[in-house]
Amino acid sequence: MKFQRNLRAEVNIDLTPLIDVVFLLLIFFMVSTSFTRESNLLVNLPEANGELAEDVALRIEVLIARNGSYTVNGQALINTDAQTLMDAIGAIAAGDNTVPLTITADAETTHQSVVTAMDVAARLGFSRLSIATRQAMDP
């Protein structure tokens, strides 16, 4: 007796649409993800009609001239490099980043010089940063 065999069709799964979907998802997530690292620096902005701050024995004052040169506690720095500014502030602070740091900049100086000083303060871990201003004159 001869039995007839049922021929089974091969079961194939087409992976092409699945791979297409995975690549589309990968591209979507790559495009929609932002890789920027935002950092914030808390700044105490002085008020024009505020009271005088308490007198602290050790204070660091960074003066930025119109041409972008830095002076730290009355000592002019040899260049405008951020590492030089970091070394000067670090030497005065001696590792104590709770010392008040004041940035005083000329009104005509570039933003880059002020941002560099603020960035150096942030990298050294200073938490008490203030920016010196003067009271506006009434017209």
C-alpha atoms as a PDB file:
ATOM      1  CA  MET A   1       0.000   0.000   0.000  1.00  0.00           C
ATOM      2  CA  LYS A   2       1.247   3.325  -0.940  1.00  0.00           C
ATOM      3  CA  PHE A   3       0.373   6.200   1.357  1.00  0.00           C
ATOM      4  CA  GLN A   4       0.251   9.619  -0.079  1.00  0.00           C
ATOM      5  CA  ARG A   5       2.371  12.120   1.747  1.00  0.00           C
ATOM      6  CA  ASN A   6       1.093  15.565   2.349  1.00  0.00           C
ATOM      7  CA  LEU A   7       3.595  18.018   1.134  1.00  0.00           C
ATOM      8  CA  ARG A   8       3.982  20.780   3.632  1.00  0.00           C
ATOM      9  CA  ALA A   9       4.733  24.191   2.364  1.00  0.00           C
ATOM     10  CA  GLU A  10       7.789  25.720   3.919  1.00  0.00           C
ATOM     11  CA  VAL A  11       6.988  28.334   6.480  1.00  0.00           C
ATOM     12  CA  ASN A  12       9.025  31.428   5.764  1.00  0.00           C
ATOM     13  CA  ILE A  13       8.962  34.620   7.734  1.00  0.00           C
ATOM     14  CA  ASP A  14       9.914  37.632   5.720  1.00  0.00           C
ATOM     15  CA  LEU A  15      12.172  39.765   7.899  1.00  0.00           C
ATOM     16  CA  THR A  16      12.537  42.654   5.500  1.00  0.00           C
ATOM     17  CA  PRO A  17       9.578  44.718   6.822  1.00  0.00           C
ATOM     18  CA  LEU A  18      10.683  44.088  10.402  1.00  0.00           C
ATOM     19  CA  ILE A  19      14.204  45.293   9.649  1.00  0.00           C
ATOM     20  CA  ASP A  20      12.777  48.358   7.895  1.00  0.00           C
ATOM     21  CA  VAL A  21      10.704  49.246  10.953  1.00  0.00           C
ATOM     22  CA  VAL A  22      13.664  48.790  13.298  1.00  0.00           C
ATOM     23  CA  PHE A  23      15.834  51.057  11.147  1.00  0.00           C
ATOM     24  CA  LEU A  24      13.102  53.701  10.992  1.00  0.00           C
ATOM     25  CA  LEU A  25      12.791  53.626  14.789  1.00  0.00           C
ATOM     26  CA  LEU A  26      16.554  53.863  15.152  1.00  0.00           C
ATOM     27  CA  ILE A  27      16.694  56.880  12.838  1.00  0.00           C
ATOM     28  CA  PHE A  28      13.772  58.518  14.663  1.00  0.00           C
ATOM     29  CA  PHE A  29      15.432  58.184  18.061  1.00  0.00           C
ATOM     30  CA  MET A  30      18.790  59.362  16.734  1.00  0.00           C
ATOM     31  CA  VAL A  31      17.244  62.479  15.226  1.00  0.00           C
ATOM     32  CA  SER A  32      14.974  63.316  18.158  1.00  0.00           C
ATOM     33  CA  THR A  33      17.611  62.907  20.888  1.00  0.00           C
ATOM     34  CA  SER A  34      19.616  65.955  21.871  1.00  0.00           C
ATOM     35  CA  PHE A  35      23.153  65.496  23.063  1.00  0.00           C
ATOM     36  CA  THR A  36      23.727  68.952  24.495  1.00  0.00           C
ATOM     37  CA  ARG A  37      24.823  69.160  28.086  1.00  0.00           C
ATOM     38  CA  GLU A  38      23.357  72.163  29.758  1.00  0.00           C
ATOM     39  CA  SER A  39      24.969  73.551  32.843  1.00  0.00           C
ATOM     40  CA  ASN A  40      23.583  76.189  35.095  1.00  0.00           C
ATOM     41  CA  LEU A  41      25.400  78.594  37.318  1.00  0.00           C
ATOM     42  CA  LEU A  42      23.468  80.278  40.076  1.00  0.00           C
ATOM     43  CA  VAL A  43      24.261  83.965  40.131  1.00  0.00           C
ATOM     44  CA  ASN A  44      23.303  86.378  42.901  1.00  0.00           C
ATOM     45  CA  LEU A  45      22.430  89.562  41.086  1.00  0.00           C
ATOM     46  CA  PRO A  46      22.838  92.582  43.339  1.00  0.00           C
ATOM     47  CA  GLU A  47      19.910  94.899  43.789  1.00  0.00           C
ATOM     48  CA  ALA A  48      20.383  98.585  43.206  1.00  0.00           C
ATOM     49  CA  ASN A  49      18.762  99.686  46.465  1.00  0.00           C
ATOM     50  CA  GLY A  50      19.934  96.795  48.676  1.00  0.00           C
ATOM     51  CA  GLU A  51      21.864  97.085  51.888  1.00  0.00           C
ATOM     52  CA  LEU A  52      25.599  96.663  52.117  1.00  0.00           C
ATOM     53  CA  ALA A  53      26.788  93.096  52.306  1.00  0.00           C
ATOM     54  CA  GLU A  54      28.531  91.808  55.388  1.00  0.00           C
ATOM     55  CA  ASP A  55      32.250  92.435  55.504  1.00  0.00           C
ATOM     56  CA  VAL A  56      34.131  89.182  54.997  1.00  0.00           C
ATOM     57  CA  ALA A  57      37.830  88.867  55.782  1.00  0.00           C
ATOM     58  CA  LEU A  58      38.664  86.903  52.630  1.00  0.00           C
ATOM     59  CA  ARG A  59      37.016  87.970  49.406  1.00  0.00           C
ATOM     60  CA  ILE A  60      38.034  87.341  45.813  1.00  0.00           C
ATOM     61  CA  GLU A  61      37.394  90.121  43.330  1.00  0.00           C
ATOM     62  CA  VAL A  62      37.895  89.548  39.620  1.00  0.00           C
ATOM     63  CA  LEU A  63      38.109  92.815  37.692  1.00  0.00           C
ATOM     64  CA  ILE A  64      37.678  92.626  33.920  1.00  0.00           C
ATOM     65  CA  ALA A  65      38.968  95.617  31.967  1.00  0.00           C
ATOM     66  CA  ARG A  66      37.583  96.948  28.696  1.00  0.00           C
ATOM     67  CA  ASN A  67      40.219  95.053  26.682  1.00  0.00           C
ATOM     68  CA  GLY A  68      39.365  91.740  28.433  1.00  0.00           C
ATOM     69  CA  SER A  69      42.374  91.599  30.760  1.00  0.00           C
ATOM     70  CA  TYR A  70      41.835  90.176  34.240  1.00  0.00           C
ATOM     71  CA  THR A  71      42.911  91.471  37.635  1.00  0.00           C
ATOM     72  CA  VAL A  72      42.419  89.236  40.684  1.00  0.00           C
ATOM     73  CA  ASN A  73      42.474  91.055  44.042  1.00  0.00           C
ATOM     74  CA  GLY A  74      44.581  93.865  42.591  1.00  0.00           C
ATOM     75  CA  GLN A  75      47.117  91.613  40.843  1.00  0.00           C
ATOM     76  CA  ALA A  76      47.065  91.855  37.036  1.00  0.00           C
ATOM     77  CA  LEU A  77      47.317  88.533  35.203  1.00  0.00           C
ATOM     78  CA  ILE A  78      49.897  88.020  32.472  1.00  0.00           C
ATOM     79  CA  ASN A  79      47.340  86.904  29.860  1.00  0.00           C
ATOM     80  CA  THR A  80      43.605  86.381  29.322  1.00  0.00           C
ATOM     81  CA  ASP A  81      43.779  82.588  29.341  1.00  0.00           C
ATOM     82  CA  ALA A  82      41.137  80.771  31.426  1.00  0.00           C
ATOM     83  CA  GLN A  83      43.769  78.473  32.961  1.00  0.00           C
ATOM     84  CA  THR A  84      45.758  81.474  34.208  1.00  0.00           C
ATOM     85  CA  LEU A  85      42.613  82.911  35.783  1.00  0.00           C
ATOM     86  CA  MET A  86      41.809  79.529  37.320  1.00  0.00           C
ATOM     87  CA  ASP A  87      45.303  79.238  38.813  1.00  0.00           C
ATOM     88  CA  ALA A  88      45.142  82.762  40.277  1.00  0.00           C
ATOM     89  CA  ILE A  89      41.713  82.264  41.865  1.00  0.00           C
ATOM     90  CA  GLY A  90      42.671  78.798  43.108  1.00  0.00           C
ATOM     91  CA  ALA A  91      45.828  80.149  44.749  1.00  0.00           C
ATOM     92  CA  ILE A  92      43.907  82.834  46.631  1.00  0.00           C
ATOM     93  CA  ALA A  93      41.032  80.545  47.638  1.00  0.00           C
ATOM     94  CA  ALA A  94      43.375  77.735  48.709  1.00  0.00           C
ATOM     95  CA  GLY A  95      40.708  75.104  48.070  1.00  0.00           C
ATOM     96  CA  ASP A  96      37.925  76.930  49.955  1.00  0.00           C
ATOM     97  CA  ASN A  97      35.159  77.437  47.394  1.00  0.00           C
ATOM     98  CA  THR A  98      32.794  79.052  49.915  1.00  0.00           C
ATOM     99  CA  VAL A  99      34.745  82.322  49.720  1.00  0.00           C
ATOM    100  CA  PRO A 100      32.625  85.084  48.146  1.00  0.00           C
ATOM    101  CA  LEU A 101      33.695  85.812  44.573  1.00  0.00           C
ATOM    102  CA  THR A 102      32.737  89.110  42.928  1.00  0.00           C
ATOM    103  CA  ILE A 103      33.050  89.762  39.207  1.00  0.00           C
ATOM    104  CA  THR A 104      33.365  93.428  38.271  1.00  0.00           C
ATOM    105  CA  ALA A 105      33.409  94.090  34.545  1.00  0.00           C
ATOM    106  CA  ASP A 106      33.634  97.238  32.491  1.00  0.00           C
ATOM    107  CA  ALA A 107      30.425  98.037  30.620  1.00  0.00           C
ATOM    108  CA  GLU A 108      32.314  97.962  27.309  1.00  0.00           C
ATOM    109  CA  THR A 109      33.995  94.573  27.829  1.00  0.00           C
ATOM    110  CA  THR A 110      32.979  91.578  25.723  1.00  0.00           C
ATOM    111  CA  HIS A 111      30.547  88.976  26.984  1.00  0.00           C
ATOM    112  CA  GLN A 112      33.167  86.312  26.369  1.00  0.00           C
ATOM    113  CA  SER A 113      35.440  87.679  29.085  1.00  0.00           C
ATOM    114  CA  VAL A 114      32.638  87.690  31.648  1.00  0.00           C
ATOM    115  CA  VAL A 115      31.438  84.223  30.635  1.00  0.00           C
ATOM    116  CA  THR A 116      35.006  82.914  30.909  1.00  0.00           C
ATOM    117  CA  ALA A 117      35.273  84.269  34.464  1.00  0.00           C
ATOM    118  CA  MET A 118      31.905  82.720  35.380  1.00  0.00           C
ATOM    119  CA  ASP A 119      32.927  79.408  33.823  1.00  0.00           C
ATOM    120  CA  VAL A 120      36.178  79.368  35.814  1.00  0.00           C
ATOM    121  CA  ALA A 121      34.203  80.051  39.003  1.00  0.00           C
ATOM    122  CA  ALA A 122      31.831  77.198  38.189  1.00  0.00           C
ATOM    123  CA  ARG A 123      34.664  74.769  37.448  1.00  0.00           C
ATOM    124  CA  LEU A 124      36.309  75.642  40.766  1.00  0.00           C
ATOM    125  CA  GLY A 125      32.990  75.027  42.545  1.00  0.00           C
ATOM    126  CA  PHE A 126      32.294  78.521  43.888  1.00  0.00           C
ATOM    127  CA  SER A 127      28.773  78.828  45.240  1.00  0.00           C
ATOM    128  CA  ARG A 128      28.824  82.482  46.338  1.00  0.00           C
ATOM    129  CA  LEU A 129      29.207  84.398  43.079  1.00  0.00           C
ATOM    130  CA  SER A 130      28.005  87.953  42.600  1.00  0.00           C
ATOM    131  CA  ILE A 131      28.316  90.467  39.805  1.00  0.00           C
ATOM    132  CA  ALA A 132      29.037  94.064  40.747  1.00  0.00           C
ATOM    133  CA  THR A 133      26.844  96.742  39.215  1.00  0.00           C
ATOM    134  CA  ARG A 134      26.235 100.394  39.818  1.00  0.00           C
ATOM    135  CA  GLN A 135      22.957 102.116  40.406  1.00  0.00           C
ATOM    136  CA  ALA A 136      21.405 103.499  37.252  1.00  0.00           C
ATOM    137  CA  MET A 137      21.140 107.286  37.065  1.00  0.00           C
ATOM    138  CA  ASP A 138      17.706 108.809  36.502  1.00  0.00           C
ATOM    139  CA  PRO A 139      17.508 110.662  33.184  1.00  0.00           C
END
